[in-house]
Protein backbone atom coordinates (compact mmCIF):
# COMPACT_ATOMS: atom_id res chain seq x y z
CA MET A 1 0.00 0.00 0.00
CA ARG A 2 1.27 3.45 -0.85
CA PHE A 3 0.67 6.17 1.69
CA HIS A 4 2.06 9.60 2.45
CA ARG A 5 3.02 11.48 5.56
CA GLY A 6 3.56 15.18 5.95
CA PRO A 7 4.89 17.28 8.84
CA ARG A 8 2.30 18.21 11.43
CA VAL A 9 1.37 21.83 11.86
CA GLU A 10 0.54 23.65 15.11
CA THR A 11 -2.83 25.36 14.69
CA PRO A 12 -4.06 28.18 16.91
CA ASP A 13 -7.16 26.22 17.93
CA GLY A 14 -5.76 22.92 19.05
CA PRO A 15 -3.07 20.26 18.92
CA PRO A 16 -0.88 19.46 15.93
CA ASN A 17 -2.57 17.95 12.90
CA SER A 18 -1.03 16.47 9.80
CA ALA A 19 -0.16 19.09 7.20
CA GLY A 20 -2.36 17.20 4.77
CA ALA A 21 -5.32 17.46 7.14
CA VAL A 22 -4.86 21.19 7.58
CA ALA A 23 -4.34 21.70 3.87
CA ASP A 24 -7.41 19.71 2.84
CA ALA A 25 -9.76 21.08 5.50
CA GLU A 26 -11.00 23.83 3.18
CA PRO A 27 -10.26 24.93 -0.39
CA ILE A 28 -7.98 27.78 -1.36
CA TYR A 29 -10.25 30.41 -2.89
CA LEU A 30 -8.51 31.48 -6.07
CA ALA A 31 -9.19 35.21 -5.73
CA ALA A 32 -8.53 35.37 -1.98
CA PRO A 33 -5.19 36.25 -0.31
CA LEU A 34 -3.17 33.36 1.09
CA ASP A 35 -3.43 32.77 4.84
CA PHE A 36 -1.20 30.65 7.05
CA ASN A 37 -3.09 27.45 6.17
CA SER A 38 -2.77 28.16 2.45
CA LEU A 39 0.95 28.87 2.69
CA THR A 40 1.48 25.64 4.62
CA ARG A 41 -0.32 23.77 1.85
CA LEU A 42 1.84 25.42 -0.80
CA VAL A 43 5.06 24.43 0.97
CA ARG A 44 3.81 20.87 1.45
CA GLY A 45 2.70 20.61 -2.16
CA ALA A 46 6.05 21.86 -3.39
CA THR A 47 7.85 19.35 -1.19
CA ASP A 48 5.65 16.46 -2.28
CA TRP A 49 6.12 17.21 -5.98
CA LEU A 50 9.88 17.65 -5.57
CA GLU A 51 9.97 14.30 -3.76
CA ARG A 52 8.47 12.61 -6.79
CA ASN A 53 10.92 14.34 -9.14
CA ALA A 54 14.09 14.19 -7.00
CA ALA A 55 15.52 11.23 -8.93
CA HIS A 56 15.00 13.09 -12.21
CA VAL A 57 16.79 16.16 -10.85
CA ASN A 58 19.64 13.96 -9.59
CA GLN A 59 20.05 12.56 -13.10
CA LEU A 60 20.81 16.05 -14.43
CA ASN A 61 24.25 15.95 -12.83
CA VAL A 62 26.82 17.35 -15.28
CA PHE A 63 29.41 14.68 -14.52
CA PRO A 64 28.19 11.16 -15.42
CA VAL A 65 29.07 9.84 -11.95
CA PRO A 66 26.78 7.73 -9.73
CA ASP A 67 26.38 10.31 -6.97
CA GLY A 68 24.34 13.17 -8.40
CA ASP A 69 22.51 14.57 -5.39
CA THR A 70 21.07 17.99 -6.30
CA GLY A 71 17.52 16.69 -6.13
CA THR A 72 18.22 14.88 -2.87
CA ASN A 73 19.71 17.98 -1.24
CA MET A 74 16.90 20.25 -2.39
CA LEU A 75 14.30 17.73 -1.20
CA LEU A 76 15.85 17.39 2.26
CA THR A 77 16.05 21.20 2.49
CA MET A 78 12.37 21.50 1.54
CA ARG A 79 11.43 18.82 4.06
CA ALA A 80 13.17 20.86 6.73
CA ALA A 81 11.29 23.94 5.52
CA ALA A 82 7.95 22.10 5.70
CA ASP A 83 8.79 20.81 9.16
CA GLY A 84 9.49 24.41 10.18
CA ALA A 85 5.82 25.30 9.73
CA VAL A 86 5.14 23.61 13.08
CA ARG A 87 6.95 26.49 14.76
CA ALA A 88 4.34 29.08 13.81
CA LYS A 89 1.95 29.43 16.73
CA THR A 90 -0.30 32.19 15.39
CA PRO A 91 -2.49 32.37 12.26
CA ASP A 92 -0.15 34.85 10.63
CA ALA A 93 1.33 34.37 7.15
CA GLY A 94 4.55 36.18 8.02
CA ALA A 95 5.09 34.02 11.11
CA VAL A 96 4.52 30.84 9.14
CA MET A 97 7.01 31.83 6.46
CA ARG A 98 9.55 32.91 9.08
CA ALA A 99 9.40 29.45 10.63
CA VAL A 100 9.54 27.83 7.19
CA ALA A 101 12.64 29.89 6.39
CA GLN A 102 14.28 28.92 9.65
CA GLY A 103 13.71 25.26 8.86
CA ALA A 104 15.20 25.69 5.39
CA VAL A 105 18.26 27.59 6.64
CA MET A 106 19.07 25.06 9.34
CA GLY A 107 18.24 22.04 7.18
CA ALA A 108 20.04 23.23 4.05
CA ARG A 109 22.28 20.60 2.41
CA GLY A 110 24.64 21.01 -0.50
CA ASN A 111 25.16 24.11 -2.62
CA SER A 112 21.74 23.82 -4.23
CA GLY A 113 20.06 23.40 -0.83
CA VAL A 114 21.86 26.42 0.63
CA ILE A 115 20.86 28.62 -2.30
CA LEU A 116 17.29 27.30 -2.08
CA SER A 117 17.21 28.10 1.64
CA GLN A 118 18.24 31.66 0.86
CA ILE A 119 15.45 31.93 -1.73
CA VAL A 120 12.99 30.76 0.94
CA ALA A 121 14.48 33.21 3.45
CA GLY A 122 14.02 36.04 0.95
CA ILE A 123 10.41 35.05 0.29
CA ALA A 124 9.82 35.06 4.04
CA ARG A 125 11.40 38.47 4.33
CA GLY A 126 9.12 39.69 1.56
CA VAL A 127 5.97 38.81 3.55
CA GLU A 128 7.31 39.67 7.02
CA GLY A 129 4.65 41.21 9.26
CA THR A 130 1.68 40.26 7.08
CA GLU A 131 -1.36 38.23 8.12
CA THR A 132 -2.28 37.31 4.54
CA VAL A 133 -0.53 37.47 1.18
CA ASP A 134 -2.20 38.88 -1.95
CA GLY A 135 -0.96 38.66 -5.52
CA ALA A 136 1.15 41.81 -5.38
CA ALA A 137 2.81 40.73 -2.11
CA LEU A 138 3.51 37.25 -3.48
CA ALA A 139 5.18 38.75 -6.56
CA ARG A 140 7.38 40.97 -4.39
CA ALA A 141 8.28 38.01 -2.18
CA ILE A 142 9.30 35.77 -5.10
CA ALA A 143 11.49 38.58 -6.44
CA GLU A 144 13.03 39.15 -3.00
CA GLY A 145 13.80 35.43 -2.81
CA ALA A 146 15.99 35.72 -5.89
CA ASN A 147 17.64 38.92 -4.66
CA THR A 148 18.49 37.36 -1.30
CA ALA A 149 20.00 34.29 -2.96
CA TYR A 150 22.16 36.43 -5.27
CA ARG A 151 23.45 38.42 -2.30
CA ALA A 152 24.37 35.21 -0.48
CA VAL A 153 26.61 33.90 -3.29
CA THR A 154 30.06 35.46 -3.57
CA ARG A 155 30.45 34.86 -7.30
CA PRO A 156 27.02 34.24 -8.86
CA VAL A 157 27.05 32.13 -12.02
CA GLU A 158 24.37 32.55 -14.67
CA GLY A 159 22.67 29.47 -16.04
CA THR A 160 22.06 28.12 -12.54
CA ILE A 161 19.25 28.11 -9.98
CA LEU A 162 20.03 31.79 -9.39
CA THR A 163 19.12 32.67 -12.98
CA VAL A 164 15.92 30.65 -12.78
CA ALA A 165 14.93 32.28 -9.47
CA ARG A 166 15.52 35.75 -10.91
CA ALA A 167 13.45 34.93 -13.98
CA ALA A 168 10.62 33.67 -11.76
CA GLY A 169 10.74 36.89 -9.75
CA GLU A 170 10.74 39.03 -12.86
CA GLY A 171 7.86 37.06 -14.37
CA ALA A 172 5.80 37.38 -11.20
CA THR A 173 6.55 41.10 -10.83
CA ALA A 174 5.74 41.87 -14.47
CA ALA A 175 2.40 40.06 -14.22
CA ALA A 176 1.45 41.86 -10.99
CA SER A 177 2.42 45.26 -12.41
CA ARG A 178 0.02 44.79 -15.32
CA ASP A 179 -2.89 44.04 -12.99
CA ALA A 180 -2.87 45.29 -9.40
CA ASP A 181 -5.68 42.87 -8.51
CA LEU A 182 -4.03 39.78 -9.98
CA SER A 183 -4.65 36.65 -7.90
CA CYS A 184 -1.91 34.65 -6.21
CA ARG A 185 -2.64 31.79 -8.60
CA ASP A 186 -2.03 33.98 -11.65
CA VAL A 187 1.13 35.43 -10.15
CA LEU A 188 2.47 31.96 -9.43
CA GLU A 189 1.58 30.74 -12.92
CA ALA A 190 3.53 33.68 -14.36
CA ALA A 191 6.53 32.85 -12.16
CA LEU A 192 6.37 29.20 -13.21
CA ALA A 193 6.18 30.03 -16.90
CA ALA A 194 9.18 32.35 -16.63
CA ALA A 195 11.15 29.76 -14.64
CA THR A 196 10.36 27.06 -17.23
CA ARG A 197 11.72 29.25 -20.02
CA ALA A 198 14.80 30.08 -17.96
CA VAL A 199 15.58 26.42 -17.27
CA ALA A 200 15.39 25.66 -20.99
CA ARG A 201 17.95 28.42 -21.65
CA THR A 202 20.52 27.24 -19.09
CA PRO A 203 22.51 25.10 -21.59
CA GLU A 204 23.07 28.22 -23.68
CA GLN A 205 24.43 30.08 -20.65
CA LEU A 206 26.66 27.31 -19.32
CA PRO A 207 28.57 25.42 -22.03
CA ILE A 208 29.27 22.54 -19.66
CA LEU A 209 25.51 21.85 -19.52
CA LYS A 210 25.29 21.80 -23.29
CA GLN A 211 28.22 19.37 -23.47
CA ALA A 212 26.53 17.04 -20.99
CA GLY A 213 23.13 17.35 -22.69
CA VAL A 214 21.28 18.48 -19.56
CA VAL A 215 19.66 21.57 -18.11
CA ASP A 216 20.81 22.96 -14.77
CA ALA A 217 19.75 20.59 -12.00
CA GLY A 218 19.23 23.26 -9.34
CA GLY A 219 17.21 25.42 -11.71
CA GLU A 220 15.02 22.48 -12.66
CA GLY A 221 14.58 21.65 -8.97
CA TYR A 222 13.30 25.18 -8.27
CA ARG A 223 10.99 24.98 -11.29
CA VAL A 224 9.54 21.73 -9.88
CA ILE A 225 8.97 23.47 -6.53
CA LEU A 226 7.04 26.28 -8.23
CA GLU A 227 5.09 23.70 -10.22
CA GLY A 228 4.10 21.89 -7.02
CA MET A 229 2.77 25.13 -5.59
CA ALA A 230 0.89 25.83 -8.81
CA LEU A 231 -0.76 22.40 -8.63
CA VAL A 232 -2.08 23.27 -5.18
CA LEU A 233 -3.46 26.63 -6.33
CA ARG A 234 -5.05 24.97 -9.36
CA GLY A 235 -6.87 22.66 -6.99
CA GLU A 236 -5.18 19.60 -8.44
CA PRO A 237 -3.84 16.78 -6.22
CA ILE A 238 -0.12 16.13 -6.36
CA PRO A 239 0.47 13.26 -8.82
CA ALA A 240 1.63 10.02 -7.24
CA SER A 241 4.58 9.76 -9.64
CA ALA A 242 6.94 12.08 -11.46
CA ALA A 243 5.95 13.85 -14.66
CA GLN A 244 6.47 11.45 -17.59
CA SER A 245 8.63 13.88 -19.56
CA SER A 246 10.89 14.30 -16.53
CA GLN A 247 11.73 10.63 -16.70
CA THR A 248 12.33 10.41 -20.44
CA ALA A 249 13.94 13.65 -21.60
CA PRO A 250 15.86 15.99 -19.27
CA LEU A 251 15.72 18.81 -21.82
CA ALA A 252 12.00 18.47 -22.49
CA LEU A 253 10.35 20.96 -20.18
CA GLU A 254 6.78 20.83 -21.52
CA HIS A 255 5.61 18.70 -18.60
CA ARG A 256 2.36 16.83 -19.23
CA LEU A 257 1.12 15.87 -15.80
CA THR A 258 -0.81 12.69 -15.15
CA ILE A 259 -3.13 13.58 -12.29
CA ASP A 260 -4.16 10.82 -9.89
CA ALA A 261 -7.78 10.87 -8.79
CA GLY A 262 -8.40 11.61 -5.16
CA ALA A 263 -6.32 13.11 -2.42
CA ILE A 264 -3.26 11.51 -0.87
CA PRO A 265 -4.22 9.41 2.16
CA GLN A 266 -3.26 10.86 5.51
CA ALA A 267 -1.25 9.08 8.17
CA GLU A 268 0.82 9.66 11.27
CA TRP A 269 4.58 10.00 11.21
CA GLY A 270 5.65 6.42 11.94
CA TYR A 271 9.29 5.35 11.84
CA CYS A 272 12.12 6.97 9.92
CA THR A 273 14.03 3.97 8.58
CA GLN A 274 17.44 4.26 6.92
CA PHE A 275 19.84 1.59 5.71
CA VAL A 276 22.31 0.70 2.99
CA ILE A 277 21.98 -2.27 0.61
CA GLY A 278 25.30 -3.71 -0.50
CA GLY A 279 25.67 -6.20 -3.31
CA LEU A 280 26.63 -6.81 -6.91
CA SER A 281 24.64 -5.76 -10.00
CA LEU A 282 21.93 -4.12 -7.89
CA ASP A 283 18.98 -2.90 -9.95
CA LEU A 284 18.57 0.63 -8.59
CA GLU A 285 15.40 1.42 -10.53
CA ARG A 286 13.69 -1.79 -9.43
CA ILE A 287 14.71 -1.28 -5.80
CA ARG A 288 13.46 2.30 -5.90
CA ALA A 289 10.14 1.37 -7.48
CA GLU A 290 9.43 -1.51 -5.09
CA LEU A 291 10.56 0.17 -1.87
CA GLN A 292 8.57 3.30 -2.67
CA GLU A 293 5.49 1.12 -2.49
CA LEU A 294 6.35 0.16 1.09
CA ALA A 295 7.50 3.50 2.51
CA ALA A 296 6.41 7.09 2.23
CA SER A 297 8.96 9.83 1.52
CA ALA A 298 11.16 7.05 0.16
CA LEU A 299 14.52 8.27 -1.09
CA VAL A 300 16.58 5.58 -2.85
CA VAL A 301 19.95 6.54 -4.34
CA GLY A 302 23.12 4.72 -5.27
CA ASP A 303 24.56 2.42 -7.91
CA GLU A 304 25.01 -1.26 -8.76
CA GLU A 305 26.92 -2.04 -5.58
CA PHE A 306 25.73 0.44 -2.97
CA VAL A 307 22.15 1.69 -2.50
CA ARG A 308 21.15 4.06 0.28
CA VAL A 309 17.50 4.00 1.42
CA HIS A 310 15.54 6.48 3.54
CA GLY A 311 11.82 6.05 4.12
CA HIS A 312 8.94 6.58 6.55
CA THR A 313 6.89 3.52 7.38
CA GLU A 314 4.56 2.12 10.01
CA ASP A 315 6.40 -1.23 9.92
CA PRO A 316 10.18 -0.93 9.53
CA GLY A 317 10.56 -4.68 9.91
CA GLN A 318 8.51 -5.28 6.78
CA LEU A 319 10.66 -2.81 4.84
CA LEU A 320 13.90 -4.42 6.02
CA THR A 321 12.65 -7.93 5.33
CA TYR A 322 11.71 -6.93 1.81
CA ALA A 323 14.96 -5.03 1.18
CA VAL A 324 17.21 -7.89 2.31
CA ARG A 325 16.15 -9.80 -0.82
CA PHE A 326 18.30 -7.42 -2.87
CA GLY A 327 21.53 -7.63 -0.88
CA ARG A 328 23.20 -7.34 2.50
CA LEU A 329 21.82 -4.60 4.77
CA GLN A 330 24.23 -2.28 6.55
CA ARG A 331 24.07 0.88 8.73
CA ILE A 332 20.45 0.28 9.78
CA SER A 333 18.87 3.18 11.66
CA ILE A 334 15.24 3.25 12.90
CA GLU A 335 13.81 6.29 14.71
CA ASP A 336 10.32 6.79 16.15
CA MET A 337 9.25 10.07 14.54
CA ASP A 338 6.05 10.37 16.58
CA ALA A 339 8.02 10.25 19.84
CA GLN A 340 10.66 12.60 18.46
CA HIS A 341 8.02 15.04 17.27
CA ASP A 342 6.16 15.05 20.58
CA GLU A 343 9.42 15.62 22.46
CA TRP A 344 10.40 18.35 20.03
CA LEU A 345 7.07 20.15 20.52
CA LYS A 346 7.43 19.87 24.31
CA ASN A 347 10.83 21.55 24.20
CA GLN A 348 9.97 24.31 21.75
CA VAL A 349 10.50 27.88 22.91
CA ASP A 350 8.58 30.97 21.83
CA ASP A 351 8.91 32.19 18.26
CA ALA A 352 11.06 35.12 19.34
CA SER A 353 13.89 32.80 20.34
CA LEU A 354 13.90 30.81 17.11
CA ILE A 355 16.79 31.22 14.70
CA ALA A 356 15.41 33.06 11.67
CA PRO A 357 17.39 34.11 8.60
CA ASP A 358 18.15 37.44 10.27
CA GLY A 359 17.32 36.51 13.86
CA ASP A 360 19.06 35.55 17.08
CA ALA A 361 19.46 32.24 18.85
CA GLY A 362 19.77 31.40 22.50
CA SER A 363 23.18 30.34 23.80
CA PRO A 364 23.85 26.68 24.55
CA PRO A 365 24.03 25.66 28.19
CA ALA A 366 27.30 26.55 29.85
CA GLU A 367 29.66 23.67 30.52
CA GLN A 368 31.14 23.25 33.98
CA ASN A 369 34.46 21.81 32.78
CA GLU A 370 37.08 23.87 31.07
CA ALA A 371 36.52 23.99 27.30
CA PRO A 372 39.20 24.30 24.61
CA SER A 373 39.57 27.68 22.95
CA ILE A 374 39.91 26.26 19.45
CA ALA A 375 39.00 22.93 17.83
CA THR A 376 38.43 21.29 14.46
CA VAL A 377 35.42 19.57 12.85
CA ALA A 378 35.75 17.45 9.71
CA VAL A 379 33.27 15.88 7.30
CA ALA A 380 34.07 12.30 6.28
CA PRO A 381 32.31 10.04 3.72
CA GLY A 382 33.35 6.68 5.24
CA ASP A 383 34.15 5.01 8.54
CA GLY A 384 37.81 4.49 7.67
CA ILE A 385 38.27 8.11 6.60
CA ALA A 386 36.49 9.26 9.76
CA ALA A 387 38.96 7.22 11.83
CA VAL A 388 41.86 8.92 10.04
CA PHE A 389 40.50 12.38 10.86
CA ARG A 390 40.00 11.42 14.49
CA SER A 391 43.50 9.99 14.73
CA PHE A 392 44.88 13.29 13.44
CA GLY A 393 43.08 15.27 16.11
CA ALA A 394 39.66 16.29 14.75
CA ALA A 395 37.46 17.00 17.77
CA GLU A 396 34.28 16.01 15.90
CA VAL A 397 33.70 14.11 12.66
CA ILE A 398 30.44 14.43 10.72
CA ALA A 399 29.38 11.56 8.49
CA GLY A 400 28.79 12.98 5.04
CA GLY A 401 29.85 13.35 1.44
CA GLN A 402 28.18 12.91 -1.94
CA THR A 403 24.53 11.78 -1.68
CA MET A 404 24.70 12.28 2.10
CA ASN A 405 25.59 15.94 2.55
CA PRO A 406 25.26 17.13 6.17
CA SER A 407 22.89 19.99 6.92
CA ALA A 408 23.88 23.38 8.27
CA ASN A 409 22.42 22.29 11.60
CA ASP A 410 24.56 19.12 11.57
CA VAL A 411 27.66 21.28 11.20
CA LEU A 412 26.51 23.71 13.88
CA GLN A 413 25.70 21.00 16.42
CA ALA A 414 29.03 19.25 15.82
CA ALA A 415 30.83 22.54 16.40
CA LYS A 416 28.90 23.09 19.64
CA ARG A 417 29.83 19.61 20.86
CA THR A 418 33.52 20.58 20.76
CA ARG A 419 32.70 23.26 23.41
CA ALA A 420 35.35 25.48 21.83
CA SER A 421 34.66 29.17 21.22
CA THR A 422 36.31 28.96 17.80
CA VAL A 423 35.94 25.97 15.51
CA LEU A 424 37.69 25.37 12.21
CA VAL A 425 35.47 23.37 9.84
CA LEU A 426 36.83 21.13 7.08
CA PRO A 427 33.97 20.38 4.61
CA ASN A 428 36.15 18.06 2.46
CA ASN A 429 33.62 18.21 -0.37
CA GLY A 430 32.87 21.04 -2.79
CA ASN A 431 29.16 20.53 -2.18
CA VAL A 432 29.49 21.01 1.57
CA VAL A 433 31.48 24.27 1.62
CA MET A 434 28.42 26.54 1.29
CA THR A 435 26.56 24.53 3.94
CA ALA A 436 29.45 25.06 6.36
CA GLN A 437 29.51 28.76 5.55
CA GLN A 438 25.77 28.98 6.24
CA ALA A 439 26.32 27.25 9.59
CA ALA A 440 29.02 29.83 10.33
CA ARG A 441 26.59 32.70 9.72
CA VAL A 442 24.04 31.18 12.09
CA ALA A 443 26.72 30.39 14.70
CA ALA A 444 27.89 34.00 14.72
CA GLU A 445 24.48 35.02 16.05
CA ASP A 446 25.07 32.60 18.92
CA GLY A 447 28.51 33.91 19.86
CA LEU A 448 30.29 30.94 18.32
CA THR A 449 32.98 31.50 15.69
CA LEU A 450 33.12 28.99 12.85
CA VAL A 451 35.99 29.40 10.42
CA VAL A 452 35.48 27.41 7.23
CA VAL A 453 38.65 26.14 5.57
CA PRO A 454 37.19 25.43 2.09
CA THR A 455 38.64 21.96 1.51
CA LYS A 456 36.89 20.24 -1.39
CA THR A 457 38.28 16.71 -1.09
CA VAL A 458 39.26 14.28 1.64
CA PRO A 459 43.01 14.49 0.83
CA GLU A 460 42.82 18.28 1.06
CA GLY A 461 41.10 17.98 4.43
CA ILE A 462 43.71 15.61 5.83
CA ALA A 463 46.55 17.84 4.65
CA ALA A 464 44.84 20.84 6.22
CA LEU A 465 44.26 19.05 9.53
CA LEU A 466 47.93 18.09 9.74
CA ALA A 467 48.75 21.80 9.55
CA PHE A 468 46.48 22.67 12.49
CA ASN A 469 48.26 24.22 15.49
CA PRO A 470 46.14 24.56 18.67
CA GLU A 471 48.54 27.26 19.93
CA ALA A 472 48.09 29.47 16.86
CA SER A 473 45.32 32.01 16.29
CA PRO A 474 42.27 31.17 14.19
CA ASP A 475 43.49 33.39 11.33
CA GLU A 476 46.95 31.84 11.42
CA ASN A 477 45.47 28.35 11.40
CA ALA A 478 43.07 29.16 8.57
CA THR A 479 45.92 30.45 6.44
CA ALA A 480 48.28 27.55 7.21
CA MET A 481 45.59 24.92 6.72
CA GLY A 482 44.41 26.48 3.47
CA ASP A 483 47.96 26.57 2.13
CA ALA A 484 48.49 22.93 3.09
CA ALA A 485 45.31 21.91 1.26
CA LEU A 486 46.56 23.61 -1.90
CA GLY A 487 49.64 21.41 -1.85
CA VAL A 488 47.65 18.23 -2.44
CA ARG A 489 46.04 16.96 -5.62
CA THR A 490 43.14 14.50 -5.63
CA VAL A 491 42.20 11.74 -8.06
CA GLU A 492 38.81 10.05 -7.73
CA VAL A 493 38.10 6.71 -9.42
CA THR A 494 34.47 5.84 -10.09
CA ARG A 495 32.16 4.61 -12.86
CA ALA A 496 30.20 6.45 -15.55
CA VAL A 497 26.42 6.23 -15.43
CA ARG A 498 25.80 7.52 -18.96
CA THR A 499 27.51 7.98 -22.31
CA VAL A 500 28.70 11.53 -22.98
CA SER A 501 31.57 13.59 -24.39
CA LEU A 502 32.91 15.93 -21.73
CA ASP A 503 35.91 18.26 -21.99
CA GLY A 504 37.29 16.24 -24.88
CA VAL A 505 36.98 12.93 -23.03
CA GLU A 506 34.76 10.32 -24.70
CA ILE A 507 32.87 8.47 -21.97
CA LYS A 508 30.75 5.35 -22.30
CA GLU A 509 28.26 4.15 -19.72
CA GLY A 510 30.02 1.69 -17.41
CA ASP A 511 33.51 3.10 -18.06
CA THR A 512 35.90 3.76 -15.21
CA LEU A 513 36.32 7.51 -14.76
CA GLY A 514 39.44 9.29 -13.56
CA VAL A 515 38.55 12.64 -12.00
CA LEU A 516 41.44 15.00 -11.20
CA ASP A 517 40.58 17.90 -8.89
CA ASP A 518 36.91 17.79 -9.92
CA LYS A 519 37.58 17.49 -13.66
CA VAL A 520 37.11 14.28 -15.68
CA VAL A 521 40.48 13.66 -17.38
CA ALA A 522 40.39 9.97 -18.32
CA ALA A 523 37.86 7.23 -19.06
CA GLY A 524 37.91 3.66 -20.30
CA PRO A 525 37.25 0.02 -19.41
CA ASP A 526 40.60 -0.58 -17.66
CA ARG A 527 40.53 0.76 -14.10
CA VAL A 528 44.30 0.75 -13.59
CA LYS A 529 45.05 2.48 -16.90
CA VAL A 530 42.44 5.16 -16.27
CA ALA A 531 43.68 5.80 -12.73
CA CYS A 532 47.32 5.96 -13.85
CA ALA A 533 46.44 8.39 -16.64
CA ALA A 534 44.70 10.68 -14.16
CA LEU A 535 47.53 10.34 -11.64
CA ALA A 536 50.13 11.16 -14.30
CA GLN A 537 48.26 14.37 -15.14
CA GLY A 538 48.25 15.16 -11.43
CA GLY A 539 52.05 14.91 -11.18
CA ALA A 540 52.32 11.46 -9.63
CA SER A 541 55.54 10.76 -11.56
CA SER A 542 57.41 13.19 -9.33
CA ALA A 543 55.35 12.71 -6.16
CA ASP A 544 56.77 11.56 -2.86
CA LEU A 545 53.59 9.94 -1.55
CA ILE A 546 50.45 8.43 -3.08
CA THR A 547 47.71 7.46 -0.63
CA LEU A 548 44.81 5.24 -1.64
CA PHE A 549 41.54 5.47 0.30
CA CYS A 550 39.70 2.31 -0.73
CA GLY A 551 35.93 2.35 -1.18
CA ALA A 552 33.34 0.33 0.70
CA HIS A 553 33.21 -2.44 -1.89
CA VAL A 554 36.90 -2.77 -2.76
CA THR A 555 38.25 -6.10 -1.55
CA GLU A 556 41.64 -6.41 0.13
CA ARG A 557 42.88 -8.44 -2.82
CA ASP A 558 41.81 -5.79 -5.34
CA ALA A 559 43.33 -3.01 -3.26
CA THR A 560 46.67 -4.84 -3.02
CA SER A 561 46.73 -5.50 -6.76
CA PHE A 562 45.81 -1.89 -7.53
CA ALA A 563 48.49 -0.52 -5.19
CA ASP A 564 51.14 -2.79 -6.73
CA ALA A 565 50.22 -1.50 -10.19
CA LEU A 566 50.68 2.09 -9.01
CA ARG A 567 54.05 1.26 -7.42
CA SER A 568 55.18 -0.21 -10.72
CA THR A 569 53.99 2.81 -12.71
CA PHE A 570 55.24 5.47 -10.28
CA PRO A 571 58.37 3.93 -8.68
CA LYS A 572 59.56 7.19 -7.07
CA ALA A 573 56.49 7.48 -4.88
CA SER A 574 55.66 5.62 -1.70
CA VAL A 575 52.17 4.11 -2.03
CA GLU A 576 50.06 3.72 1.10
CA VAL A 577 46.68 1.98 1.36
CA VAL A 578 43.91 3.03 3.76
CA ASP A 579 40.47 1.42 4.16
CA GLY A 580 38.33 4.51 3.56
CA GLY A 581 34.88 2.92 3.40
CA GLN A 582 33.44 5.64 1.13
CA PRO A 583 30.52 4.82 -1.21
CA HIS A 584 30.44 5.33 -4.98
CA TYR A 585 34.17 5.94 -5.42
CA ASP A 586 36.37 2.85 -5.58
CA TYR A 587 39.42 4.96 -4.76
CA LEU A 588 40.12 8.45 -3.48
CA ILE A 589 43.79 9.08 -4.17
CA SER A 590 46.01 11.74 -2.65
CA ILE A 591 49.11 12.96 -4.53
CA GLU A 592 51.75 14.72 -2.41
């Protein structure tokens, strides 16, 4: 049976209800301003529709690697935004959106999620202090969302989610300026139409998108969010599955929606169940299709050897029993969301103390024991890599990497656990840097200093950590650690998930890929040859040390054979082997 759960919303007249129950209690009158119930429904609708299209957005990854996670990060950010609606305790549109924005900011994951959270924060700022939102106010808010996101990015790039957000704001504003009495539905339809056109233009603005044959993933994700809101205002239920054109042609943006009859059934929260399926020749599409029938909010990502599953279900045992047919289950986590939610509500403070995009936060409880003045936090994609960071002195290690980016709140809480007044954060992934920077902005309001050393790979993070000096000042450490990171080059060895020509490299689906410092430089059927070609371009012939971090599914025998091949090819370098445990990438290789 397929069922759906949504976050529960605190109403002014009674206890929490499911968002679906609040949303479906009465219709949204098309000509009327949006109240707090209507806005909650729009956010839920956007989240539900993005959930159904997250896999499609993931597939728009420029690099043909098995860890595209733009859709995943945007979905988790929107879920956090929807959960934030529970924090609004008055029937006031501005208060609802402020709580939604707080949820998005704290739950933001990945670059796309951080930018999305800033769009949401700008929309909230645009309706601050209002009880209801009319068409003109909605247009201003959508435009302010884009402006806020642009201000948050140091070097904005056109052809991305930023461009699409700006086009949506301009489309909404132009429509409202032509008719002062335009309804919210018409304003949103204008924003959606403009966003759709902007997404289609992204390959012309970013040549790398045209090479890969895709539109911008973040821009398409935002378009899907606007489309979900439009479905709600049209009075149409959210379809149970993704738009057909989304599944068949990434560049085809004329979405023809297949509308399911009837509303989505309502249910309580149940259990949040997460696990990893390990095996050989796993059929990701089959696993996704079948597990989505057993769990709501099911997110299934991975490849032929490693599939990560997240879902909400009344019976986690049934889900696990069914999943074990596909392979060996690992890293099983089951949490009672009803109990967590009730405890969370019990501990909530008044709205004034909540962290808003421009608000303050209460200080954490004072510790009785003496706390360090400075500490480090690192993000690690595997158990073995996490152990390396701990052995080199990281005070806290956050599990995360591609397809499992930590949220801004994850980074903030890890920093607080160090009890240090200044914390240096090593993101170790290019898609986590902006999340760490967002956590730093929130931490500053709480009197905690987070200094982000923008390491983009695990080898860079390890080199930076080795340069950490607890006796030096934060600025001195940031400089020394950043310089150390620049002295390392990184090769990643993985597999191609589609056939494409990229930067002069002809890639076939199933090929081994050699990625040097985030650029695909070699591809082919022979893993050793591809890795050696990438290493040679990275200067391995004159390197002193080559360190292999072996992935979760690399056997000891394969690792030994691979290391011996590298020693033969690069005899001047010492080759070390570490069990990294990371998913998706057979080897992360450091060149020093």
